Amino acid sequence: MTPASRQSSLFKQYRRWLVPGAIVVILIFAIVFPQQMAQDNIWNLFFLMSLGIAMGQSWNMLGGFAGQTSLGHAAFFGIGALVTRTLWFHGTPFVLAFIVGGVAAGTFALIIGAPTFRLRGAYFAIGTLAVAEVLRITVAQNRPFISTMPGDMISSYNLPARYWVALALAMATTAAAYLLLRSRWSLGILGVREDEEAAQASGVHVLRHKLLALGLSALFMGFAGAVFAYKQISYYPEAPFFPTFTFEALMIAYIGGVGTVIGPVIGGAFFVLVRERLAANLTDVHQVIFGVLFVLVVLLLPGGLLEIWDRSKRIMAKRQTKKLQATRGADDQEGGP
């Protein structure tokens, strides 16, 4: 075996471990670095990144894997926050309130899933946005007063504890996305994304697969809303229903690499770091600048930041092929008459 072919064989052998290895490295960094710095701004930054990863992964389960572009995920985020905070403030242990909040969001998604999935494409996106807006207006009218933690909760407030909860949720959501892609449901869900008619003709129950993706997506988005309610000292109950949370989840998925497991992890970290930096230095125009950056990423890197790695792999493969061809050419010349 020539050196070039041996190098190519080793690359193919270890390539499947690159993504899990990268996630492990990121996780170790996320655990060690905040503790070493021990500053509230660092804890808050890593909390926002972890929450962003969870939101991006949850949207990606429906929008990336199943190909159903939802603009109403703020509804699930808001339901998780509202239910969790209400139960928690009335004496329910946070863990139980957290679970109920996520389940409530997932249940609501399944209830509205069948009628909304009668719509397709842009109509489905607009329909989900309308549902979220109806919920936001309803909550604003019925819960108009600010929600503030009781004094005993504020006095014992612990930001690092909130971060560990957010990090655990980001890990769980990423693991759920990974397992979903390797389950027996994955081929059907991906088939629905590529071509619904062809998937249905091949025996795939389209609605069932869509509902599965929607239910899981809403469940984890509800959990993300519960973590938001756990962290915020005070806010208006309608705030988690703002469309901002839907578009943040969508942008995180697209920036990192929609339809992939590692993409929302990269997108969540990139999104929060750039947004916070721009907000600190360019307060008045940071949203405009970030919007331009998002458009550039989508246009220049349709596969998100993860496409940089894919392009690098293709370049490396071409170089290895050229080296192999050059080596074979040299061997043929030496073995010639």
C-alpha atoms as a PDB file:
ATOM      1  CA  MET A   1       0.000   0.000   0.000  1.00  0.00           C
ATOM      2  CA  THR A   2       1.372   3.412  -0.988  1.00  0.00           C
ATOM      3  CA  PRO A   3       1.681   6.232   1.591  1.00  0.00           C
ATOM      4  CA  ALA A   4      -1.086   8.229  -0.095  1.00  0.00           C
ATOM      5  CA  SER A   5      -3.553   5.331  -0.080  1.00  0.00           C
ATOM      6  CA  ARG A   6      -2.607   4.490   3.523  1.00  0.00           C
ATOM      7  CA  GLN A   7      -3.325   8.101   4.538  1.00  0.00           C
ATOM      8  CA  SER A   8      -6.676   7.993   2.737  1.00  0.00           C
ATOM      9  CA  SER A   9      -7.585   4.737   4.488  1.00  0.00           C
ATOM     10  CA  LEU A  10      -6.746   6.161   7.913  1.00  0.00           C
ATOM     11  CA  PHE A  11      -8.793   9.289   7.187  1.00  0.00           C
ATOM     12  CA  LYS A  12     -11.857   7.215   6.259  1.00  0.00           C
ATOM     13  CA  GLN A  13     -11.367   4.997   9.320  1.00  0.00           C
ATOM     14  CA  TYR A  14     -11.351   7.850  11.830  1.00  0.00           C
ATOM     15  CA  ARG A  15     -13.742  10.235  10.052  1.00  0.00           C
ATOM     16  CA  ARG A  16     -16.819   8.775  11.751  1.00  0.00           C
ATOM     17  CA  TRP A  17     -15.360   9.682  15.143  1.00  0.00           C
ATOM     18  CA  LEU A  18     -14.768  13.343  14.288  1.00  0.00           C
ATOM     19  CA  VAL A  19     -18.268  14.636  15.115  1.00  0.00           C
ATOM     20  CA  PRO A  20     -18.631  12.727  18.422  1.00  0.00           C
ATOM     21  CA  GLY A  21     -15.078  13.757  19.311  1.00  0.00           C
ATOM     22  CA  ALA A  22     -15.821  17.406  18.540  1.00  0.00           C
ATOM     23  CA  ILE A  23     -18.947  17.291  20.722  1.00  0.00           C
ATOM     24  CA  VAL A  24     -16.952  15.783  23.611  1.00  0.00           C
ATOM     25  CA  VAL A  25     -14.311  18.508  23.315  1.00  0.00           C
ATOM     26  CA  ILE A  26     -16.991  21.219  23.261  1.00  0.00           C
ATOM     27  CA  LEU A  27     -18.682  19.656  26.294  1.00  0.00           C
ATOM     28  CA  ILE A  28     -15.446  19.520  28.302  1.00  0.00           C
ATOM     29  CA  PHE A  29     -14.772  23.151  27.454  1.00  0.00           C
ATOM     30  CA  ALA A  30     -18.329  24.120  28.451  1.00  0.00           C
ATOM     31  CA  ILE A  31     -17.856  22.414  31.824  1.00  0.00           C
ATOM     32  CA  VAL A  32     -14.339  23.582  32.660  1.00  0.00           C
ATOM     33  CA  PHE A  33     -14.066  27.117  31.272  1.00  0.00           C
ATOM     34  CA  PRO A  34     -16.910  28.826  33.192  1.00  0.00           C
ATOM     35  CA  GLN A  35     -15.655  27.353  36.453  1.00  0.00           C
ATOM     36  CA  GLN A  36     -12.149  28.596  35.785  1.00  0.00           C
ATOM     37  CA  MET A  37     -13.344  32.107  34.986  1.00  0.00           C
ATOM     38  CA  ALA A  38     -16.006  32.198  37.755  1.00  0.00           C
ATOM     39  CA  GLN A  39     -17.550  35.454  36.506  1.00  0.00           C
ATOM     40  CA  ASP A  40     -21.262  36.207  36.219  1.00  0.00           C
ATOM     41  CA  ASN A  41     -20.933  37.524  32.671  1.00  0.00           C
ATOM     42  CA  ILE A  42     -19.232  34.275  31.609  1.00  0.00           C
ATOM     43  CA  TRP A  43     -21.877  32.153  33.324  1.00  0.00           C
ATOM     44  CA  ASN A  44     -24.585  34.197  31.597  1.00  0.00           C
ATOM     45  CA  LEU A  45     -22.874  33.945  28.196  1.00  0.00           C
ATOM     46  CA  PHE A  46     -22.567  30.175  28.425  1.00  0.00           C
ATOM     47  CA  PHE A  47     -26.153  29.933  29.654  1.00  0.00           C
ATOM     48  CA  LEU A  48     -27.343  31.797  26.550  1.00  0.00           C
ATOM     49  CA  MET A  49     -25.255  29.554  24.292  1.00  0.00           C
ATOM     50  CA  SER A  50     -26.627  26.395  25.913  1.00  0.00           C
ATOM     51  CA  LEU A  51     -30.199  27.666  25.655  1.00  0.00           C
ATOM     52  CA  GLY A  52     -29.580  28.643  22.022  1.00  0.00           C
ATOM     53  CA  ILE A  53     -28.271  25.158  21.225  1.00  0.00           C
ATOM     54  CA  ALA A  54     -31.358  23.558  22.780  1.00  0.00           C
ATOM     55  CA  MET A  55     -33.654  25.885  20.832  1.00  0.00           C
ATOM     56  CA  GLY A  56     -31.794  25.340  17.572  1.00  0.00           C
ATOM     57  CA  GLN A  57     -31.803  21.549  17.963  1.00  0.00           C
ATOM     58  CA  SER A  58     -35.516  21.494  18.769  1.00  0.00           C
ATOM     59  CA  TRP A  59     -36.425  23.569  15.705  1.00  0.00           C
ATOM     60  CA  ASN A  60     -34.054  21.464  13.600  1.00  0.00           C
ATOM     61  CA  MET A  61     -35.961  18.262  14.424  1.00  0.00           C
ATOM     62  CA  LEU A  62     -38.975  19.616  12.566  1.00  0.00           C
ATOM     63  CA  GLY A  63     -37.533  22.164  10.156  1.00  0.00           C
ATOM     64  CA  GLY A  64     -34.270  20.382   9.346  1.00  0.00           C
ATOM     65  CA  PHE A  65     -35.049  16.673   9.561  1.00  0.00           C
ATOM     66  CA  ALA A  66     -38.701  16.691   8.450  1.00  0.00           C
ATOM     67  CA  GLY A  67     -38.447  19.759   6.199  1.00  0.00           C
ATOM     68  CA  GLN A  68     -41.441  21.535   7.788  1.00  0.00           C
ATOM     69  CA  THR A  69     -40.528  25.216   8.201  1.00  0.00           C
ATOM     70  CA  SER A  70     -42.288  26.373  11.346  1.00  0.00           C
ATOM     71  CA  LEU A  71     -42.541  30.017  12.337  1.00  0.00           C
ATOM     72  CA  GLY A  72     -44.555  29.269  15.456  1.00  0.00           C
ATOM     73  CA  HIS A  73     -42.065  27.644  17.813  1.00  0.00           C
ATOM     74  CA  ALA A  74     -42.386  30.620  20.138  1.00  0.00           C
ATOM     75  CA  ALA A  75     -45.784  29.137  21.073  1.00  0.00           C
ATOM     76  CA  PHE A  76     -44.115  26.011  22.472  1.00  0.00           C
ATOM     77  CA  PHE A  77     -41.379  28.065  24.128  1.00  0.00           C
ATOM     78  CA  GLY A  78     -43.984  30.314  25.736  1.00  0.00           C
ATOM     79  CA  ILE A  79     -46.192  27.440  26.903  1.00  0.00           C
ATOM     80  CA  GLY A  80     -43.209  25.769  28.561  1.00  0.00           C
ATOM     81  CA  ALA A  81     -42.268  29.008  30.304  1.00  0.00           C
ATOM     82  CA  LEU A  82     -45.821  29.881  31.379  1.00  0.00           C
ATOM     83  CA  VAL A  83     -46.767  26.452  32.729  1.00  0.00           C
ATOM     84  CA  THR A  84     -43.434  25.903  34.481  1.00  0.00           C
ATOM     85  CA  ARG A  85     -43.334  29.291  36.141  1.00  0.00           C
ATOM     86  CA  THR A  86     -46.978  29.122  37.248  1.00  0.00           C
ATOM     87  CA  LEU A  87     -46.584  25.699  38.851  1.00  0.00           C
ATOM     88  CA  TRP A  88     -43.195  26.540  40.346  1.00  0.00           C
ATOM     89  CA  PHE A  89     -44.432  29.744  41.958  1.00  0.00           C
ATOM     90  CA  HIS A  90     -47.388  27.840  43.452  1.00  0.00           C
ATOM     91  CA  GLY A  91     -45.186  25.390  45.309  1.00  0.00           C
ATOM     92  CA  THR A  92     -44.529  22.633  42.781  1.00  0.00           C
ATOM     93  CA  PRO A  93     -40.890  21.443  42.782  1.00  0.00           C
ATOM     94  CA  PHE A  94     -39.066  22.909  39.797  1.00  0.00           C
ATOM     95  CA  VAL A  95     -38.137  19.518  38.327  1.00  0.00           C
ATOM     96  CA  LEU A  96     -41.771  18.451  38.199  1.00  0.00           C
ATOM     97  CA  ALA A  97     -42.879  21.857  36.892  1.00  0.00           C
ATOM     98  CA  PHE A  98     -40.138  21.649  34.247  1.00  0.00           C
ATOM     99  CA  ILE A  99     -41.372  18.259  33.018  1.00  0.00           C
ATOM    100  CA  VAL A 100     -45.020  19.341  32.971  1.00  0.00           C
ATOM    101  CA  GLY A 101     -44.122  22.503  31.044  1.00  0.00           C
ATOM    102  CA  GLY A 102     -42.371  20.552  28.294  1.00  0.00           C
ATOM    103  CA  VAL A 103     -45.115  17.931  28.109  1.00  0.00           C
ATOM    104  CA  ALA A 104     -47.755  20.679  27.903  1.00  0.00           C
ATOM    105  CA  ALA A 105     -45.947  22.207  24.920  1.00  0.00           C
ATOM    106  CA  GLY A 106     -45.636  18.820  23.218  1.00  0.00           C
ATOM    107  CA  THR A 107     -49.297  17.995  23.840  1.00  0.00           C
ATOM    108  CA  PHE A 108     -50.424  21.330  22.427  1.00  0.00           C
ATOM    109  CA  ALA A 109     -48.289  20.706  19.334  1.00  0.00           C
ATOM    110  CA  LEU A 110     -49.926  17.322  18.737  1.00  0.00           C
ATOM    111  CA  ILE A 111     -53.398  18.868  19.134  1.00  0.00           C
ATOM    112  CA  ILE A 112     -52.773  21.520  16.487  1.00  0.00           C
ATOM    113  CA  GLY A 113     -50.550  19.265  14.367  1.00  0.00           C
ATOM    114  CA  ALA A 114     -53.182  17.455  12.319  1.00  0.00           C
ATOM    115  CA  PRO A 115     -55.037  20.581  11.145  1.00  0.00           C
ATOM    116  CA  THR A 116     -51.893  22.665  10.530  1.00  0.00           C
ATOM    117  CA  PHE A 117     -50.228  19.890   8.536  1.00  0.00           C
ATOM    118  CA  ARG A 118     -53.040  20.197   6.011  1.00  0.00           C
ATOM    119  CA  LEU A 119     -51.132  23.306   4.965  1.00  0.00           C
ATOM    120  CA  ARG A 120     -47.865  23.071   3.062  1.00  0.00           C
ATOM    121  CA  GLY A 121     -44.885  25.256   2.334  1.00  0.00           C
ATOM    122  CA  ALA A 122     -45.349  28.957   3.000  1.00  0.00           C
ATOM    123  CA  TYR A 123     -48.941  28.386   4.096  1.00  0.00           C
ATOM    124  CA  PHE A 124     -47.785  26.042   6.860  1.00  0.00           C
ATOM    125  CA  ALA A 125     -45.177  28.599   8.010  1.00  0.00           C
ATOM    126  CA  ILE A 126     -47.765  31.397   8.082  1.00  0.00           C
ATOM    127  CA  GLY A 127     -50.279  29.147   9.854  1.00  0.00           C
ATOM    128  CA  THR A 128     -47.857  28.279  12.655  1.00  0.00           C
ATOM    129  CA  LEU A 129     -46.921  31.952  13.021  1.00  0.00           C
ATOM    130  CA  ALA A 130     -50.617  32.823  13.341  1.00  0.00           C
ATOM    131  CA  VAL A 131     -51.090  30.222  16.094  1.00  0.00           C
ATOM    132  CA  ALA A 132     -48.165  31.644  18.061  1.00  0.00           C
ATOM    133  CA  GLU A 133     -49.433  35.192  17.693  1.00  0.00           C
ATOM    134  CA  VAL A 134     -52.931  34.234  18.849  1.00  0.00           C
ATOM    135  CA  LEU A 135     -51.409  32.680  21.969  1.00  0.00           C
ATOM    136  CA  ARG A 136     -49.212  35.724  22.585  1.00  0.00           C
ATOM    137  CA  ILE A 137     -52.149  38.135  22.355  1.00  0.00           C
ATOM    138  CA  THR A 138     -54.305  35.903  24.547  1.00  0.00           C
ATOM    139  CA  VAL A 139     -51.638  35.712  27.249  1.00  0.00           C
ATOM    140  CA  ALA A 140     -50.991  39.470  27.050  1.00  0.00           C
ATOM    141  CA  GLN A 141     -54.678  40.199  27.611  1.00  0.00           C
ATOM    142  CA  ASN A 142     -55.159  37.724  30.455  1.00  0.00           C
ATOM    143  CA  ARG A 143     -51.762  38.029  32.169  1.00  0.00           C
ATOM    144  CA  PRO A 144     -50.893  41.726  31.770  1.00  0.00           C
ATOM    145  CA  PHE A 145     -48.792  42.091  34.932  1.00  0.00           C
ATOM    146  CA  ILE A 146     -45.089  41.405  35.258  1.00  0.00           C
ATOM    147  CA  SER A 147     -44.065  38.042  36.705  1.00  0.00           C
ATOM    148  CA  THR A 148     -41.410  38.400  39.406  1.00  0.00           C
ATOM    149  CA  MET A 149     -39.761  35.795  41.593  1.00  0.00           C
ATOM    150  CA  PRO A 150     -40.692  35.862  45.277  1.00  0.00           C
ATOM    151  CA  GLY A 151     -38.189  37.416  47.663  1.00  0.00           C
ATOM    152  CA  ASP A 152     -36.903  34.115  49.039  1.00  0.00           C
ATOM    153  CA  MET A 153     -36.110  32.859  45.505  1.00  0.00           C
ATOM    154  CA  ILE A 154     -34.306  36.093  44.652  1.00  0.00           C
ATOM    155  CA  SER A 155     -32.214  35.954  47.828  1.00  0.00           C
ATOM    156  CA  SER A 156     -31.096  32.396  47.031  1.00  0.00           C
ATOM    157  CA  TYR A 157     -30.680  33.003  43.287  1.00  0.00           C
ATOM    158  CA  ASN A 158     -27.771  31.001  41.844  1.00  0.00           C
ATOM    159  CA  LEU A 159     -26.749  31.712  38.240  1.00  0.00           C
ATOM    160  CA  PRO A 160     -24.282  28.777  37.891  1.00  0.00           C
ATOM    161  CA  ALA A 161     -27.081  26.375  38.891  1.00  0.00           C
ATOM    162  CA  ARG A 162     -29.194  27.786  36.051  1.00  0.00           C
ATOM    163  CA  TYR A 163     -26.322  27.267  33.650  1.00  0.00           C
ATOM    164  CA  TRP A 164     -25.932  23.593  34.564  1.00  0.00           C
ATOM    165  CA  VAL A 165     -29.630  23.042  33.898  1.00  0.00           C
ATOM    166  CA  ALA A 166     -29.328  24.760  30.498  1.00  0.00           C
ATOM    167  CA  LEU A 167     -26.199  22.767  29.627  1.00  0.00           C
ATOM    168  CA  ALA A 168     -27.922  19.503  30.578  1.00  0.00           C
ATOM    169  CA  LEU A 169     -30.859  20.442  28.349  1.00  0.00           C
ATOM    170  CA  ALA A 170     -28.540  21.260  25.431  1.00  0.00           C
ATOM    171  CA  MET A 171     -26.863  17.849  25.863  1.00  0.00           C
ATOM    172  CA  ALA A 172     -30.202  16.040  26.097  1.00  0.00           C
ATOM    173  CA  THR A 173     -31.620  17.800  23.031  1.00  0.00           C
ATOM    174  CA  THR A 174     -28.497  17.039  20.999  1.00  0.00           C
ATOM    175  CA  ALA A 175     -28.612  13.397  22.102  1.00  0.00           C
ATOM    176  CA  ALA A 176     -32.307  13.200  21.163  1.00  0.00           C
ATOM    177  CA  ALA A 177     -31.566  14.602  17.692  1.00  0.00           C
ATOM    178  CA  TYR A 178     -28.716  12.107  17.260  1.00  0.00           C
ATOM    179  CA  LEU A 179     -30.873   9.161  18.336  1.00  0.00           C
ATOM    180  CA  LEU A 180     -33.777  10.298  16.170  1.00  0.00           C
ATOM    181  CA  LEU A 181     -31.568  10.219  13.069  1.00  0.00           C
ATOM    182  CA  ARG A 182     -30.479   6.677  13.948  1.00  0.00           C
ATOM    183  CA  SER A 183     -33.906   5.345  14.786  1.00  0.00           C
ATOM    184  CA  ARG A 184     -36.210   3.345  12.524  1.00  0.00           C
ATOM    185  CA  TRP A 185     -38.270   6.525  12.057  1.00  0.00           C
ATOM    186  CA  SER A 186     -35.429   8.493  10.482  1.00  0.00           C
ATOM    187  CA  LEU A 187     -35.794   7.187   6.919  1.00  0.00           C
ATOM    188  CA  GLY A 188     -39.478   8.073   6.896  1.00  0.00           C
ATOM    189  CA  ILE A 189     -38.896  11.549   8.346  1.00  0.00           C
ATOM    190  CA  LEU A 190     -36.086  12.287   5.897  1.00  0.00           C
ATOM    191  CA  GLY A 191     -38.192  10.875   3.070  1.00  0.00           C
ATOM    192  CA  VAL A 192     -40.996  13.298   3.956  1.00  0.00           C
ATOM    193  CA  ARG A 193     -38.497  16.129   3.790  1.00  0.00           C
ATOM    194  CA  GLU A 194     -37.270  15.162   0.333  1.00  0.00           C
ATOM    195  CA  ASP A 195     -40.608  14.343  -1.318  1.00  0.00           C
ATOM    196  CA  GLU A 196     -43.902  13.792   0.522  1.00  0.00           C
ATOM    197  CA  GLU A 197     -45.692  12.196  -2.431  1.00  0.00           C
ATOM    198  CA  ALA A 198     -42.861   9.760  -3.106  1.00  0.00           C
ATOM    199  CA  ALA A 199     -42.610   8.879   0.589  1.00  0.00           C
ATOM    200  CA  GLN A 200     -46.338   8.230   0.813  1.00  0.00           C
ATOM    201  CA  ALA A 201     -46.255   6.142  -2.369  1.00  0.00           C
ATOM    202  CA  SER A 202     -43.498   3.996  -0.843  1.00  0.00           C
ATOM    203  CA  GLY A 203     -45.637   3.229   2.216  1.00  0.00           C
ATOM    204  CA  VAL A 204     -44.562   5.950   4.656  1.00  0.00           C
ATOM    205  CA  HIS A 205     -47.347   7.285   6.890  1.00  0.00           C
ATOM    206  CA  VAL A 206     -46.588  10.960   6.246  1.00  0.00           C
ATOM    207  CA  LEU A 207     -48.809  12.498   8.929  1.00  0.00           C
ATOM    208  CA  ARG A 208     -47.553  10.126  11.621  1.00  0.00           C
ATOM    209  CA  HIS A 209     -43.918  10.969  10.886  1.00  0.00           C
ATOM    210  CA  LYS A 210     -44.667  14.678  10.792  1.00  0.00           C
ATOM    211  CA  LEU A 211     -46.444  14.483  14.148  1.00  0.00           C
ATOM    212  CA  LEU A 212     -43.527  12.589  15.668  1.00  0.00           C
ATOM    213  CA  ALA A 213     -41.067  15.254  14.558  1.00  0.00           C
ATOM    214  CA  LEU A 214     -43.416  18.031  15.684  1.00  0.00           C
ATOM    215  CA  GLY A 215     -44.067  16.443  19.080  1.00  0.00           C
ATOM    216  CA  LEU A 216     -40.377  15.951  19.874  1.00  0.00           C
ATOM    217  CA  SER A 217     -39.522  19.409  18.580  1.00  0.00           C
ATOM    218  CA  ALA A 218     -42.222  21.071  20.688  1.00  0.00           C
ATOM    219  CA  LEU A 219     -41.337  18.999  23.753  1.00  0.00           C
ATOM    220  CA  PHE A 220     -37.750  20.228  23.818  1.00  0.00           C
ATOM    221  CA  MET A 221     -38.744  23.759  22.866  1.00  0.00           C
ATOM    222  CA  GLY A 222     -41.074  23.690  25.863  1.00  0.00           C
ATOM    223  CA  PHE A 223     -38.195  22.519  28.040  1.00  0.00           C
ATOM    224  CA  ALA A 224     -36.156  25.463  26.722  1.00  0.00           C
ATOM    225  CA  GLY A 225     -38.967  27.816  27.716  1.00  0.00           C
ATOM    226  CA  ALA A 226     -39.014  26.219  31.181  1.00  0.00           C
ATOM    227  CA  VAL A 227     -35.292  26.917  31.578  1.00  0.00           C
ATOM    228  CA  PHE A 228     -35.878  30.510  30.466  1.00  0.00           C
ATOM    229  CA  ALA A 229     -38.565  30.875  33.159  1.00  0.00           C
ATOM    230  CA  TYR A 230     -36.177  29.350  35.709  1.00  0.00           C
ATOM    231  CA  LYS A 231     -33.455  31.871  34.909  1.00  0.00           C
ATOM    232  CA  GLN A 232     -35.317  35.156  34.520  1.00  0.00           C
ATOM    233  CA  ILE A 233     -36.041  37.069  37.732  1.00  0.00           C
ATOM    234  CA  SER A 234     -38.863  39.077  36.173  1.00  0.00           C
ATOM    235  CA  TYR A 235     -40.544  39.441  32.784  1.00  0.00           C
ATOM    236  CA  TYR A 236     -43.982  39.895  31.267  1.00  0.00           C
ATOM    237  CA  PRO A 237     -45.712  36.518  30.707  1.00  0.00           C
ATOM    238  CA  GLU A 238     -46.253  37.333  27.020  1.00  0.00           C
ATOM    239  CA  ALA A 239     -42.502  37.855  26.416  1.00  0.00           C
ATOM    240  CA  PRO A 240     -41.617  34.175  25.755  1.00  0.00           C
ATOM    241  CA  PHE A 241     -44.312  34.087  23.062  1.00  0.00           C
ATOM    242  CA  PHE A 242     -42.593  36.803  20.993  1.00  0.00           C
ATOM    243  CA  PRO A 243     -41.647  35.652  17.457  1.00  0.00           C
ATOM    244  CA  THR A 244     -38.047  36.553  18.332  1.00  0.00           C
ATOM    245  CA  PHE A 245     -37.556  33.153  19.930  1.00  0.00           C
ATOM    246  CA  THR A 246     -38.778  31.367  16.814  1.00  0.00           C
ATOM    247  CA  PHE A 247     -36.442  33.291  14.539  1.00  0.00           C
ATOM    248  CA  GLU A 248     -33.487  32.838  16.886  1.00  0.00           C
ATOM    249  CA  ALA A 249     -33.980  29.060  16.830  1.00  0.00           C
ATOM    250  CA  LEU A 250     -34.355  29.111  13.041  1.00  0.00           C
ATOM    251  CA  MET A 251     -31.231  31.243  12.513  1.00  0.00           C
ATOM    252  CA  ILE A 252     -29.150  29.072  14.850  1.00  0.00           C
ATOM    253  CA  ALA A 253     -30.067  25.979  12.846  1.00  0.00           C
ATOM    254  CA  TYR A 254     -29.377  27.614   9.482  1.00  0.00           C
ATOM    255  CA  ILE A 255     -26.140  29.310  10.551  1.00  0.00           C
ATOM    256  CA  GLY A 256     -24.654  26.094  11.914  1.00  0.00           C
ATOM    257  CA  GLY A 257     -26.039  23.695   9.342  1.00  0.00           C
ATOM    258  CA  VAL A 258     -29.723  22.817   9.069  1.00  0.00           C
ATOM    259  CA  GLY A 259     -30.569  19.126   9.001  1.00  0.00           C
ATOM    260  CA  THR A 260     -27.430  18.065  10.886  1.00  0.00           C
ATOM    261  CA  VAL A 261     -26.760  17.208  14.530  1.00  0.00           C
ATOM    262  CA  ILE A 262     -23.589  19.251  15.029  1.00  0.00           C
ATOM    263  CA  GLY A 263     -24.911  22.273  13.098  1.00  0.00           C
ATOM    264  CA  PRO A 264     -27.090  23.783  15.868  1.00  0.00           C
ATOM    265  CA  VAL A 265     -24.230  23.322  18.337  1.00  0.00           C
ATOM    266  CA  ILE A 266     -21.921  25.400  16.157  1.00  0.00           C
ATOM    267  CA  GLY A 267     -24.716  27.800  15.254  1.00  0.00           C
ATOM    268  CA  GLY A 268     -25.768  28.335  18.873  1.00  0.00           C
ATOM    269  CA  ALA A 269     -22.264  29.269  19.991  1.00  0.00           C
ATOM    270  CA  PHE A 270     -21.630  31.473  16.939  1.00  0.00           C
ATOM    271  CA  PHE A 271     -25.019  33.186  17.115  1.00  0.00           C
ATOM    272  CA  VAL A 272     -24.766  34.140  20.796  1.00  0.00           C
ATOM    273  CA  LEU A 273     -21.112  35.223  20.657  1.00  0.00           C
ATOM    274  CA  VAL A 274     -21.625  37.473  17.624  1.00  0.00           C
ATOM    275  CA  ARG A 275     -24.950  38.853  18.857  1.00  0.00           C
ATOM    276  CA  GLU A 276     -23.609  39.721  22.303  1.00  0.00           C
ATOM    277  CA  ARG A 277     -20.456  41.295  20.879  1.00  0.00           C
ATOM    278  CA  LEU A 278     -22.407  43.409  18.408  1.00  0.00           C
ATOM    279  CA  ALA A 279     -24.954  44.392  21.063  1.00  0.00           C
ATOM    280  CA  ALA A 280     -22.163  45.549  23.384  1.00  0.00           C
ATOM    281  CA  ASN A 281     -20.203  47.555  20.806  1.00  0.00           C
ATOM    282  CA  LEU A 282     -22.825  48.624  18.238  1.00  0.00           C
ATOM    283  CA  THR A 283     -25.991  48.982  20.275  1.00  0.00           C
ATOM    284  CA  ASP A 284     -28.011  51.014  17.785  1.00  0.00           C
ATOM    285  CA  VAL A 285     -27.340  48.997  14.636  1.00  0.00           C
ATOM    286  CA  HIS A 286     -26.319  45.563  15.885  1.00  0.00           C
ATOM    287  CA  GLN A 287     -29.545  43.895  14.698  1.00  0.00           C
ATOM    288  CA  VAL A 288     -29.116  45.267  11.174  1.00  0.00           C
ATOM    289  CA  ILE A 289     -25.488  44.122  11.019  1.00  0.00           C
ATOM    290  CA  PHE A 290     -26.361  40.679  12.347  1.00  0.00           C
ATOM    291  CA  GLY A 291     -29.159  40.389   9.786  1.00  0.00           C
ATOM    292  CA  VAL A 292     -26.697  41.156   6.989  1.00  0.00           C
ATOM    293  CA  LEU A 293     -24.257  38.561   8.367  1.00  0.00           C
ATOM    294  CA  PHE A 294     -27.042  35.969   8.460  1.00  0.00           C
ATOM    295  CA  VAL A 295     -27.983  36.656   4.824  1.00  0.00           C
ATOM    296  CA  LEU A 296     -24.330  36.376   3.779  1.00  0.00           C
ATOM    297  CA  VAL A 297     -23.930  33.045   5.552  1.00  0.00           C
ATOM    298  CA  VAL A 298     -27.072  31.655   3.902  1.00  0.00           C
ATOM    299  CA  LEU A 299     -26.014  32.874   0.443  1.00  0.00           C
ATOM    300  CA  LEU A 300     -22.316  31.975   0.588  1.00  0.00           C
ATOM    301  CA  LEU A 301     -22.648  28.851   2.749  1.00  0.00           C
ATOM    302  CA  PRO A 302     -26.040  27.224   2.042  1.00  0.00           C
ATOM    303  CA  GLY A 303     -25.063  24.365   4.332  1.00  0.00           C
ATOM    304  CA  GLY A 304     -24.174  26.739   7.157  1.00  0.00           C
ATOM    305  CA  LEU A 305     -20.798  27.027   8.857  1.00  0.00           C
ATOM    306  CA  LEU A 306     -20.578  23.241   8.731  1.00  0.00           C
ATOM    307  CA  GLU A 307     -20.150  23.557   4.965  1.00  0.00           C
ATOM    308  CA  ILE A 308     -16.676  24.987   5.568  1.00  0.00           C
ATOM    309  CA  TRP A 309     -15.694  21.590   6.981  1.00  0.00           C
ATOM    310  CA  ASP A 310     -17.356  19.754   4.072  1.00  0.00           C
ATOM    311  CA  ARG A 311     -15.513  21.903   1.549  1.00  0.00           C
ATOM    312  CA  SER A 312     -12.239  21.278   3.386  1.00  0.00           C
ATOM    313  CA  LYS A 313     -12.854  17.532   3.223  1.00  0.00           C
ATOM    314  CA  ARG A 314     -13.475  17.722  -0.525  1.00  0.00           C
ATOM    315  CA  ILE A 315     -10.273  19.692  -1.030  1.00  0.00           C
ATOM    316  CA  MET A 316      -8.334  17.147   1.040  1.00  0.00           C
ATOM    317  CA  ALA A 317      -9.884  14.285  -0.915  1.00  0.00           C
ATOM    318  CA  LYS A 318      -8.890  15.887  -4.237  1.00  0.00           C
ATOM    319  CA  ARG A 319      -5.323  16.408  -3.031  1.00  0.00           C
ATOM    320  CA  GLN A 320      -5.113  12.794  -1.864  1.00  0.00           C
ATOM    321  CA  THR A 321      -6.463  11.604  -5.213  1.00  0.00           C
ATOM    322  CA  LYS A 322      -3.848  13.666  -7.069  1.00  0.00           C
ATOM    323  CA  LYS A 323      -1.078  12.314  -4.840  1.00  0.00           C
ATOM    324  CA  LEU A 324      -2.307   8.760  -5.400  1.00  0.00           C
ATOM    325  CA  GLN A 325      -2.439   9.273  -9.158  1.00  0.00           C
ATOM    326  CA  ALA A 326       1.035  10.809  -9.155  1.00  0.00           C
ATOM    327  CA  THR A 327       2.381   7.885  -7.107  1.00  0.00           C
ATOM    328  CA  ARG A 328       0.797   5.334  -9.420  1.00  0.00           C
ATOM    329  CA  GLY A 329       2.176   7.197 -12.445  1.00  0.00           C
ATOM    330  CA  ALA A 330       5.669   7.116 -10.958  1.00  0.00           C
ATOM    331  CA  ASP A 331       5.322   3.370 -10.217  1.00  0.00           C
ATOM    332  CA  ASP A 332       4.215   2.693 -13.810  1.00  0.00           C
ATOM    333  CA  GLN A 333       7.225   4.573 -15.175  1.00  0.00           C
ATOM    334  CA  GLU A 334       9.598   2.607 -12.967  1.00  0.00           C
ATOM    335  CA  GLY A 335       8.020  -0.687 -13.983  1.00  0.00           C
ATOM    336  CA  GLY A 336       7.983   0.179 -17.674  1.00  0.00           C
ATOM    337  CA  PRO A 337      10.379  -1.189 -20.328  1.00  0.00           C
END
